[in-house]
PDB file of N, CA and C in Angstrom:
ATOM      1  N   MET A   1       1.080  -1.282  -0.256  1.00  0.00           N
ATOM      2  CA  MET A   1      -0.238   0.271  -0.113  1.00  0.00           C
ATOM      3  C   MET A   1       0.883   1.135  -0.092  1.00  0.00           C
ATOM      4  N   GLY A   2       0.483   2.267  -1.268  1.00  0.00           N
ATOM      5  CA  GLY A   2       1.365   3.221  -0.923  1.00  0.00           C
ATOM      6  C   GLY A   2       0.845   4.473   0.002  1.00  0.00           C
ATOM      7  N   LYS A   3       1.228   5.582  -0.533  1.00  0.00           N
ATOM      8  CA  LYS A   3       0.640   6.435   0.469  1.00  0.00           C
ATOM      9  C   LYS A   3      -0.921   6.880   0.077  1.00  0.00           C
ATOM     10  N   THR A   4      -1.724   7.216   1.273  1.00  0.00           N
ATOM     11  CA  THR A   4      -3.147   7.199   1.223  1.00  0.00           C
ATOM     12  C   THR A   4      -3.419   8.404   0.508  1.00  0.00           C
ATOM     13  N   PRO A   5      -4.228   8.275  -0.394  1.00  0.00           N
ATOM     14  CA  PRO A   5      -4.641   9.665  -1.219  1.00  0.00           C
ATOM     15  C   PRO A   5      -5.630  10.847  -0.631  1.00  0.00           C
ATOM     16  N   VAL A   6      -5.721  11.994  -0.995  1.00  0.00           N
ATOM     17  CA  VAL A   6      -6.742  12.939  -0.120  1.00  0.00           C
ATOM     18  C   VAL A   6      -7.647  12.949  -1.300  1.00  0.00           C
ATOM     19  N   LEU A   7      -9.141  12.690  -0.851  1.00  0.00           N
ATOM     20  CA  LEU A   7     -10.079  13.143  -1.950  1.00  0.00           C
ATOM     21  C   LEU A   7     -11.152  14.128  -1.448  1.00  0.00           C
ATOM     22  N   LYS A   8     -11.757  14.350  -2.613  1.00  0.00           N
ATOM     23  CA  LYS A   8     -12.992  15.228  -2.307  1.00  0.00           C
ATOM     24  C   LYS A   8     -14.016  14.431  -1.972  1.00  0.00           C
ATOM     25  N   PRO A   9     -15.037  14.885  -1.145  1.00  0.00           N
ATOM     26  CA  PRO A   9     -16.314  14.227  -0.875  1.00  0.00           C
ATOM     27  C   PRO A   9     -17.034  13.767  -1.826  1.00  0.00           C
ATOM     28  N   ARG A  10     -17.133  14.564  -2.865  1.00  0.00           N
ATOM     29  CA  ARG A  10     -18.008  13.980  -4.291  1.00  0.00           C
ATOM     30  C   ARG A  10     -17.190  12.907  -4.829  1.00  0.00           C
ATOM     31  N   GLU A  11     -15.968  13.397  -4.999  1.00  0.00           N
ATOM     32  CA  GLU A  11     -15.065  11.466  -5.267  1.00  0.00           C
ATOM     33  C   GLU A  11     -15.420  10.400  -4.305  1.00  0.00           C
ATOM     34  N   ILE A  12     -15.536  10.579  -3.165  1.00  0.00           N
ATOM     35  CA  ILE A  12     -15.784   9.130  -2.152  1.00  0.00           C
ATOM     36  C   ILE A  12     -17.160   8.981  -2.633  1.00  0.00           C
ATOM     37  N   ILE A  13     -18.368   9.807  -3.036  1.00  0.00           N
ATOM     38  CA  ILE A  13     -19.586   9.454  -3.343  1.00  0.00           C
ATOM     39  C   ILE A  13     -19.590   8.535  -4.413  1.00  0.00           C
ATOM     40  N   THR A  14     -19.125   9.310  -5.379  1.00  0.00           N
ATOM     41  CA  THR A  14     -19.120   8.751  -6.675  1.00  0.00           C
ATOM     42  C   THR A  14     -18.605   7.087  -6.939  1.00  0.00           C
ATOM     43  N   ARG A  15     -17.553   7.026  -5.917  1.00  0.00           N
ATOM     44  CA  ARG A  15     -16.788   5.815  -5.563  1.00  0.00           C
ATOM     45  C   ARG A  15     -17.700   4.576  -4.956  1.00  0.00           C
ATOM     46  N   LEU A  16     -18.582   5.365  -3.825  1.00  0.00           N
ATOM     47  CA  LEU A  16     -19.433   4.731  -3.193  1.00  0.00           C
ATOM     48  C   LEU A  16     -20.833   4.038  -4.014  1.00  0.00           C
ATOM     49  N   GLU A  17     -21.151   4.764  -4.918  1.00  0.00           N
ATOM     50  CA  GLU A  17     -22.261   4.734  -5.644  1.00  0.00           C
ATOM     51  C   GLU A  17     -22.001   3.607  -7.031  1.00  0.00           C
ATOM     52  N   THR A  18     -20.389   3.544  -7.191  1.00  0.00           N
ATOM     53  CA  THR A  18     -20.313   2.341  -8.386  1.00  0.00           C
ATOM     54  C   THR A  18     -20.629   1.224  -7.848  1.00  0.00           C
ATOM     55  N   PRO A  19     -20.215   0.966  -6.798  1.00  0.00           N
ATOM     56  CA  PRO A  19     -20.725  -0.710  -6.348  1.00  0.00           C
ATOM     57  C   PRO A  19     -21.899  -0.871  -5.695  1.00  0.00           C
ATOM     58  N   GLY A  20     -22.958   0.104  -5.811  1.00  0.00           N
ATOM     59  CA  GLY A  20     -24.133   0.016  -5.499  1.00  0.00           C
ATOM     60  C   GLY A  20     -24.373   0.578  -4.069  1.00  0.00           C
ATOM     61  N   PHE A  21     -23.729   1.416  -3.575  1.00  0.00           N
ATOM     62  CA  PHE A  21     -24.016   1.949  -2.282  1.00  0.00           C
ATOM     63  C   PHE A  21     -25.554   3.284  -2.740  1.00  0.00           C
ATOM     64  N   SER A  22     -26.129   3.432  -1.796  1.00  0.00           N
ATOM     65  CA  SER A  22     -27.072   4.783  -2.204  1.00  0.00           C
ATOM     66  C   SER A  22     -27.341   5.311  -0.760  1.00  0.00           C
ATOM     67  N   GLU A  23     -27.611   6.824  -1.250  1.00  0.00           N
ATOM     68  CA  GLU A  23     -27.585   7.426   0.107  1.00  0.00           C
ATOM     69  C   GLU A  23     -29.110   7.108   0.982  1.00  0.00           C
ATOM     70  N   VAL A  24     -28.999   7.189   2.107  1.00  0.00           N
ATOM     71  CA  VAL A  24     -30.363   6.851   2.867  1.00  0.00           C
ATOM     72  C   VAL A  24     -30.876   7.820   3.669  1.00  0.00           C
ATOM     73  N   ARG A  25     -29.793   8.934   4.073  1.00  0.00           N
ATOM     74  CA  ARG A  25     -30.373   9.862   4.619  1.00  0.00           C
ATOM     75  C   ARG A  25     -29.183  11.092   4.844  1.00  0.00           C
ATOM     76  N   GLN A  26     -29.592  12.139   5.260  1.00  0.00           N
ATOM     77  CA  GLN A  26     -28.130  13.283   5.992  1.00  0.00           C
ATOM     78  C   GLN A  26     -28.847  13.939   6.782  1.00  0.00           C
ATOM     79  N   ARG A  27     -27.828  14.227   7.774  1.00  0.00           N
ATOM     80  CA  ARG A  27     -28.297  15.021   8.697  1.00  0.00           C
ATOM     81  C   ARG A  27     -27.068  15.937   8.878  1.00  0.00           C
ATOM     82  N   GLY A  28     -27.313  17.155   8.724  1.00  0.00           N
ATOM     83  CA  GLY A  28     -26.507  18.349   8.614  1.00  0.00           C
ATOM     84  C   GLY A  28     -25.657  18.151   7.460  1.00  0.00           C
ATOM     85  N   SER A  29     -24.670  18.077   7.360  1.00  0.00           N
ATOM     86  CA  SER A  29     -23.584  17.621   6.330  1.00  0.00           C
ATOM     87  C   SER A  29     -23.060  16.441   6.097  1.00  0.00           C
ATOM     88  N   HIS A  30     -23.650  15.533   7.091  1.00  0.00           N
ATOM     89  CA  HIS A  30     -23.180  14.080   7.080  1.00  0.00           C
ATOM     90  C   HIS A  30     -24.175  13.286   6.037  1.00  0.00           C
ATOM     91  N   ARG A  31     -23.829  12.800   5.237  1.00  0.00           N
ATOM     92  CA  ARG A  31     -24.403  11.900   4.253  1.00  0.00           C
ATOM     93  C   ARG A  31     -24.203  10.485   4.715  1.00  0.00           C
ATOM     94  N   GLN A  32     -25.306   9.490   4.748  1.00  0.00           N
ATOM     95  CA  GLN A  32     -25.061   8.374   5.066  1.00  0.00           C
ATOM     96  C   GLN A  32     -25.907   7.127   4.222  1.00  0.00           C
ATOM     97  N   PHE A  33     -24.723   6.390   3.884  1.00  0.00           N
ATOM     98  CA  PHE A  33     -24.832   5.558   2.694  1.00  0.00           C
ATOM     99  C   PHE A  33     -24.550   4.086   2.853  1.00  0.00           C
ATOM    100  N   ARG A  34     -25.716   3.265   2.293  1.00  0.00           N
ATOM    101  CA  ARG A  34     -26.558   1.823   2.808  1.00  0.00           C
ATOM    102  C   ARG A  34     -26.208   1.045   1.609  1.00  0.00           C
ATOM    103  N   HIS A  35     -25.607  -0.152   1.713  1.00  0.00           N
ATOM    104  CA  HIS A  35     -25.728  -1.088   0.687  1.00  0.00           C
ATOM    105  C   HIS A  35     -26.694  -1.933   0.763  1.00  0.00           C
ATOM    106  N   THR A  36     -27.251  -2.861  -0.332  1.00  0.00           N
ATOM    107  CA  THR A  36     -28.391  -3.848   0.052  1.00  0.00           C
ATOM    108  C   THR A  36     -28.175  -5.026   0.909  1.00  0.00           C
ATOM    109  N   ASP A  37     -26.770  -5.111   1.260  1.00  0.00           N
ATOM    110  CA  ASP A  37     -26.264  -6.264   2.101  1.00  0.00           C
ATOM    111  C   ASP A  37     -26.148  -5.674   3.304  1.00  0.00           C
ATOM    112  N   GLY A  38     -25.946  -4.672   3.842  1.00  0.00           N
ATOM    113  CA  GLY A  38     -26.400  -4.300   4.995  1.00  0.00           C
ATOM    114  C   GLY A  38     -24.980  -3.445   5.343  1.00  0.00           C
ATOM    115  N   ARG A  39     -24.077  -3.023   4.662  1.00  0.00           N
ATOM    116  CA  ARG A  39     -23.083  -2.486   4.980  1.00  0.00           C
ATOM    117  C   ARG A  39     -23.284  -1.151   4.540  1.00  0.00           C
ATOM    118  N   CYS A  40     -22.739  -0.064   5.689  1.00  0.00           N
ATOM    119  CA  CYS A  40     -22.954   1.122   5.609  1.00  0.00           C
ATOM    120  C   CYS A  40     -21.799   2.239   6.039  1.00  0.00           C
ATOM    121  N   THR A  41     -21.608   3.255   5.685  1.00  0.00           N
ATOM    122  CA  THR A  41     -20.788   4.302   6.228  1.00  0.00           C
ATOM    123  C   THR A  41     -21.443   5.421   5.858  1.00  0.00           C
ATOM    124  N   THR A  42     -20.784   6.741   6.644  1.00  0.00           N
ATOM    125  CA  THR A  42     -21.141   8.138   6.689  1.00  0.00           C
ATOM    126  C   THR A  42     -20.031   8.926   6.044  1.00  0.00           C
ATOM    127  N   VAL A  43     -20.540   9.739   5.183  1.00  0.00           N
ATOM    128  CA  VAL A  43     -19.279  10.684   4.634  1.00  0.00           C
ATOM    129  C   VAL A  43     -19.745  12.107   4.900  1.00  0.00           C
ATOM    130  N   PRO A  44     -18.772  12.693   5.219  1.00  0.00           N
ATOM    131  CA  PRO A  44     -18.744  14.436   5.762  1.00  0.00           C
ATOM    132  C   PRO A  44     -19.090  15.146   4.583  1.00  0.00           C
ATOM    133  N   PHE A  45     -19.890  15.807   4.243  1.00  0.00           N
ATOM    134  CA  PHE A  45     -19.698  16.368   2.900  1.00  0.00           C
ATOM    135  C   PHE A  45     -19.784  18.165   3.455  1.00  0.00           C
ATOM    136  N   HIS A  46     -18.143  18.405   3.451  1.00  0.00           N
ATOM    137  CA  HIS A  46     -18.182  20.274   3.399  1.00  0.00           C
ATOM    138  C   HIS A  46     -17.873  20.473   2.401  1.00  0.00           C
ATOM    139  N   LYS A  47     -18.151  21.662   1.514  1.00  0.00           N
ATOM    140  CA  LYS A  47     -18.017  22.066   0.703  1.00  0.00           C
ATOM    141  C   LYS A  47     -16.833  22.712   0.448  1.00  0.00           C
ATOM    142  N   GLY A  48     -15.620  22.504  -0.390  1.00  0.00           N
ATOM    143  CA  GLY A  48     -14.521  22.781  -0.255  1.00  0.00           C
ATOM    144  C   GLY A  48     -13.351  22.259   0.401  1.00  0.00           C
ATOM    145  N   ARG A  49     -14.065  21.307   1.283  1.00  0.00           N
ATOM    146  CA  ARG A  49     -12.736  20.774   2.060  1.00  0.00           C
ATOM    147  C   ARG A  49     -12.420  19.241   1.604  1.00  0.00           C
ATOM    148  N   ASP A  50     -11.139  18.481   1.812  1.00  0.00           N
ATOM    149  CA  ASP A  50     -11.095  17.560   1.275  1.00  0.00           C
ATOM    150  C   ASP A  50     -11.060  16.578   2.488  1.00  0.00           C
ATOM    151  N   LEU A  51     -11.341  15.041   2.323  1.00  0.00           N
ATOM    152  CA  LEU A  51     -11.332  13.964   3.304  1.00  0.00           C
ATOM    153  C   LEU A  51      -9.976  13.691   4.015  1.00  0.00           C
ATOM    154  N   SER A  52      -9.210  13.896   5.058  1.00  0.00           N
ATOM    155  CA  SER A  52      -8.384  13.327   5.602  1.00  0.00           C
ATOM    156  C   SER A  52      -8.277  11.724   5.285  1.00  0.00           C
ATOM    157  N   PRO A  53      -6.679  11.169   4.798  1.00  0.00           N
ATOM    158  CA  PRO A  53      -6.347  10.039   4.581  1.00  0.00           C
ATOM    159  C   PRO A  53      -6.906   9.062   6.172  1.00  0.00           C
ATOM    160  N   ILE A  54      -7.071   9.646   7.284  1.00  0.00           N
ATOM    161  CA  ILE A  54      -7.541   8.774   8.135  1.00  0.00           C
ATOM    162  C   ILE A  54      -8.903   8.234   8.110  1.00  0.00           C
ATOM    163  N   LEU A  55      -9.736   9.582   7.325  1.00  0.00           N
ATOM    164  CA  LEU A  55     -11.178   9.199   7.358  1.00  0.00           C
ATOM    165  C   LEU A  55     -11.299   8.231   5.922  1.00  0.00           C
ATOM    166  N   LEU A  56     -10.705   8.771   5.000  1.00  0.00           N
ATOM    167  CA  LEU A  56     -10.891   7.404   4.003  1.00  0.00           C
ATOM    168  C   LEU A  56     -10.442   5.872   4.434  1.00  0.00           C
ATOM    169  N   ARG A  57      -9.218   5.896   5.312  1.00  0.00           N
ATOM    170  CA  ARG A  57      -9.283   4.453   5.945  1.00  0.00           C
ATOM    171  C   ARG A  57     -10.457   4.056   6.557  1.00  0.00           C
ATOM    172  N   GLN A  58     -11.116   4.946   7.211  1.00  0.00           N
ATOM    173  CA  GLN A  58     -11.983   4.376   7.885  1.00  0.00           C
ATOM    174  C   GLN A  58     -13.667   3.977   7.150  1.00  0.00           C
ATOM    175  N   ILE A  59     -13.643   4.875   6.046  1.00  0.00           N
ATOM    176  CA  ILE A  59     -14.558   4.626   5.120  1.00  0.00           C
ATOM    177  C   ILE A  59     -14.415   3.330   4.178  1.00  0.00           C
ATOM    178  N   ALA A  60     -13.337   2.961   4.091  1.00  0.00           N
ATOM    179  CA  ALA A  60     -12.908   1.837   3.408  1.00  0.00           C
ATOM    180  C   ALA A  60     -13.074   0.311   4.191  1.00  0.00           C
ATOM    181  N   LYS A  61     -12.999   0.988   5.763  1.00  0.00           N
ATOM    182  CA  LYS A  61     -12.951  -0.352   6.613  1.00  0.00           C
ATOM    183  C   LYS A  61     -14.348  -0.750   6.799  1.00  0.00           C
ATOM    184  N   ASP A  62     -15.306   0.526   6.755  1.00  0.00           N
ATOM    185  CA  ASP A  62     -16.712   0.567   6.967  1.00  0.00           C
ATOM    186  C   ASP A  62     -17.458  -0.313   5.736  1.00  0.00           C
ATOM    187  N   ILE A  63     -16.707  -0.199   4.750  1.00  0.00           N
ATOM    188  CA  ILE A  63     -17.461  -1.025   3.420  1.00  0.00           C
ATOM    189  C   ILE A  63     -16.908  -2.441   3.513  1.00  0.00           C
ATOM    190  N   GLY A  64     -15.968  -2.764   3.729  1.00  0.00           N
ATOM    191  CA  GLY A  64     -15.423  -4.068   3.847  1.00  0.00           C
ATOM    192  C   GLY A  64     -14.010  -4.119   2.848  1.00  0.00           C
ATOM    193  N   MET A  65     -13.434  -3.266   2.166  1.00  0.00           N
ATOM    194  CA  MET A  65     -12.468  -2.989   1.295  1.00  0.00           C
ATOM    195  C   MET A  65     -11.201  -2.233   1.797  1.00  0.00           C
ATOM    196  N   THR A  66     -10.145  -2.437   1.133  1.00  0.00           N
ATOM    197  CA  THR A  66      -8.955  -1.998   1.281  1.00  0.00           C
ATOM    198  C   THR A  66      -8.772  -0.332   0.993  1.00  0.00           C
ATOM    199  N   VAL A  67      -7.827   0.432   1.484  1.00  0.00           N
ATOM    200  CA  VAL A  67      -7.954   1.862   0.706  1.00  0.00           C
ATOM    201  C   VAL A  67      -7.568   2.026  -0.969  1.00  0.00           C
ATOM    202  N   ASP A  68      -6.723   0.594  -1.386  1.00  0.00           N
ATOM    203  CA  ASP A  68      -6.486   0.593  -2.780  1.00  0.00           C
ATOM    204  C   ASP A  68      -7.386  -0.107  -3.414  1.00  0.00           C
ATOM    205  N   GLU A  69      -8.195  -0.988  -2.809  1.00  0.00           N
ATOM    206  CA  GLU A  69      -9.304  -1.402  -3.660  1.00  0.00           C
ATOM    207  C   GLU A  69     -10.434  -0.132  -3.906  1.00  0.00           C
ATOM    208  N   PHE A  70     -10.631   0.448  -2.811  1.00  0.00           N
ATOM    209  CA  PHE A  70     -11.739   1.515  -2.908  1.00  0.00           C
ATOM    210  C   PHE A  70     -11.012   2.542  -3.655  1.00  0.00           C
ATOM    211  N   VAL A  71      -9.810   3.290  -3.862  1.00  0.00           N
ATOM    212  CA  VAL A  71      -9.399   3.972  -4.983  1.00  0.00           C
ATOM    213  C   VAL A  71      -9.469   3.401  -6.085  1.00  0.00           C
ATOM    214  N   GLN A  72      -9.524   2.378  -6.389  1.00  0.00           N
ATOM    215  CA  GLN A  72      -9.176   1.755  -7.701  1.00  0.00           C
ATOM    216  C   GLN A  72     -11.074   1.364  -8.866  1.00  0.00           C
ATOM    217  N   ILE A  73     -11.947   1.689  -7.592  1.00  0.00           N
ATOM    218  CA  ILE A  73     -13.018   1.694  -8.167  1.00  0.00           C
ATOM    219  C   ILE A  73     -13.331   2.741  -8.983  1.00  0.00           C
TER     220      ILE A  73
END
């Protein structure tokens, strides 16, 4: 595994929608996504701000992927 990239919230959401995640609700600036098999995660959507590598690793862990697998989607 190389260096963890820094991505924008929109890029994360696009990568979540590709394998079948859909937005189920939003509370403030946090959007929650769920897959039909029960996996779920939350993405903070602050306009103009990037997601930290730590948060990217947590999102990948929530959906059962490695960071490299998630970035390659």
